[in-house]
Amino acid sequence: MPSGSLTTQIDTNFILINKLAVLVLTLLFFSAMLLKNRSCKETARSLMAPINLSLLGLILLYAEYSLKEIPRYHDVVSGLQTVVVLLCLAKLVIYLIIDLYLPFRSKREPPGFLRDTIRLVVYLLIGVVSLRVVFDVNLSAVVTTTTVLTAMIAFALQNSLTNALSGFAIQSEKLLDRHNWISIKEKNIFGEIVNVGFRYTTLRNPDNNLVMVPNSAIIQNVVTIYGTSESEDRPAVLLDVMLEYCLPPETARELLLTVLKNEPMVLPEPSPMVRLLTLGDSGIVYQMKFWIGHPGQKVPAADRIYTQIWYAATRAGYSFPFPHRQVITAEQKEPFAFSRSLVLRELQQMDLFAGLAPEQLESMAENAPVRVFGPGEVVVSQGDSGSSLFIVLKGSLDVLVDRVKVGGLAEDSFFGEMSLLTGAPRAATVRAGSEVWLVEVTKNLMEPILRHNPGIMETLSAILEERGKANLVTRQTAGRQQEPISLRDDYLKRLKSFFGL
């Protein structure tokens, strides 16, 4: 055999052995990965593709070896088999980089943008090698003849290229990693980063919907970053509200701070704050800053806080300013309509006021204010001083002692009789469970009645003693210790002292 033919034969066998090595390595590697991940159907399905491809390559390799004496068919099968081997090699390299090396290096799953970029680069290299080795294409000539066409395509796809380059910038910024919550004020977008792709960044908004935002919109606009649910720094929220000029700023701050401090979704530390932002055309704009436990609570927290501000401002006798385009001559209607006869009926049903004359009850019903509280608002706080009693006309309330719920109040019930008649501090926190209408009987309403009929105090002290015993049973049932109930004479003494009788 001539030396040239021998050398060619050796080179051919060497190439076949290398192809065989690549195919066998691919088959064994992905088969092992399939056994390891057989419990995950989606992963197992993706691993079957390179296994089937490597089996196809082995069949073509056998055909190539069998047809070596028939050059016409051998060359076709050899070219096809080489392409299959290159594809197997590409899948092996991609899996090693994306599924093994990157997760091991970064200790987390690589983002979609990086995975897509690596796949694109590997397949482009395989394509270039296939054109040169299998199809014997002169790449320099191809590049020269397609320069104008490439420029035209680049001009037509400039938006896509901008988004792709913006995607690289997003990937390099750690503050824009997945699971971070961001907002783009100019686009009215708020959500959690789920994935960063070539053209779009996918966000999950508080409504659990996926929003695809062009990468360029994130790079070219101001982005507020709230962090993740696991961030050490809790996310801060800024809310603006406009109140009337007739409401003094210090009173407005106190009203808004009370709403923030009584809202469970607002963290007590760092302490919430209220700042006067600007003096607008229609009213004063205040900015509330507070912290929440999870970025996804931003929208629900804003809903609860704005709702409670409306109730608190309306209850205090103030309204929210808005621009007018015409003169309004009609009188403003009360937002809550109720009947004084309903208030009188509630007073008549209470044992506490059973000793009062009908005209005294009618006077009390006519002058007692009706307070309306929104869901979640605190009516009274444990330990606060007070001198009024509340009767529930509508809605339900929760009773909490040391922040633990110990009971509830429904329509036709009342609370605060100890504060009304003795000035004792509030024994519990009462929070509105729904919109509630409360009749407030104050000390100023009771004082002239008691001065006119001092004998009623004997009856009141007896009723206080019975109510005290009932409260003691309730708290003992809830597992709380309570001081012994005072005697009737003690209640009578405290009642007279409180009203100066």
Foldseek 3Di string as FASTA:
>chain_A
DDPVVVVVVVVVVVVLVVLLVLLVVLLVVLVVVCVVPVVDPVVNVVSVVLNVLSVVLVVLSVVLVVCVVPVVVNLVSVLVSVLSSLVSVLVVVLCCVQVPVVCVVVVDHDFPAVSVVSSVVSVVVSVVCSCCPNVVDDVVVVCVVCVVVVVVVCVVCVLLQLLQVLLVVLSVDPLNDFQWWKAFVVVRDTFTFHGGHRFWTWGQALVRDIDTHGSVSVVVGDMDIQGHLPDPDFGKDKDKAFWAPVQDPVNVFVLLLLLQVLAPQFDPPPPKGKAFDDQDPFGTMIMIMTGGNGPSCRVVVVVSSVVQSQQSQVQVPTDGTDDDPDDDDDDDDRPDDDDLVLLLVLLCPDLLCVPADSVLSSVQSVPFDKGKGAASRWPAAFQAWAAKKKAWQQAKKFWAAPNHTLDIDGHSDMDDPCCNQQRDGHHTIIGGRHIIIIGIRGNVSCLVRCVVPVVSLLSNLVVVQVVVVVVCVSVVVVVDDDDDGDDSVVSSVSRCVVSVD
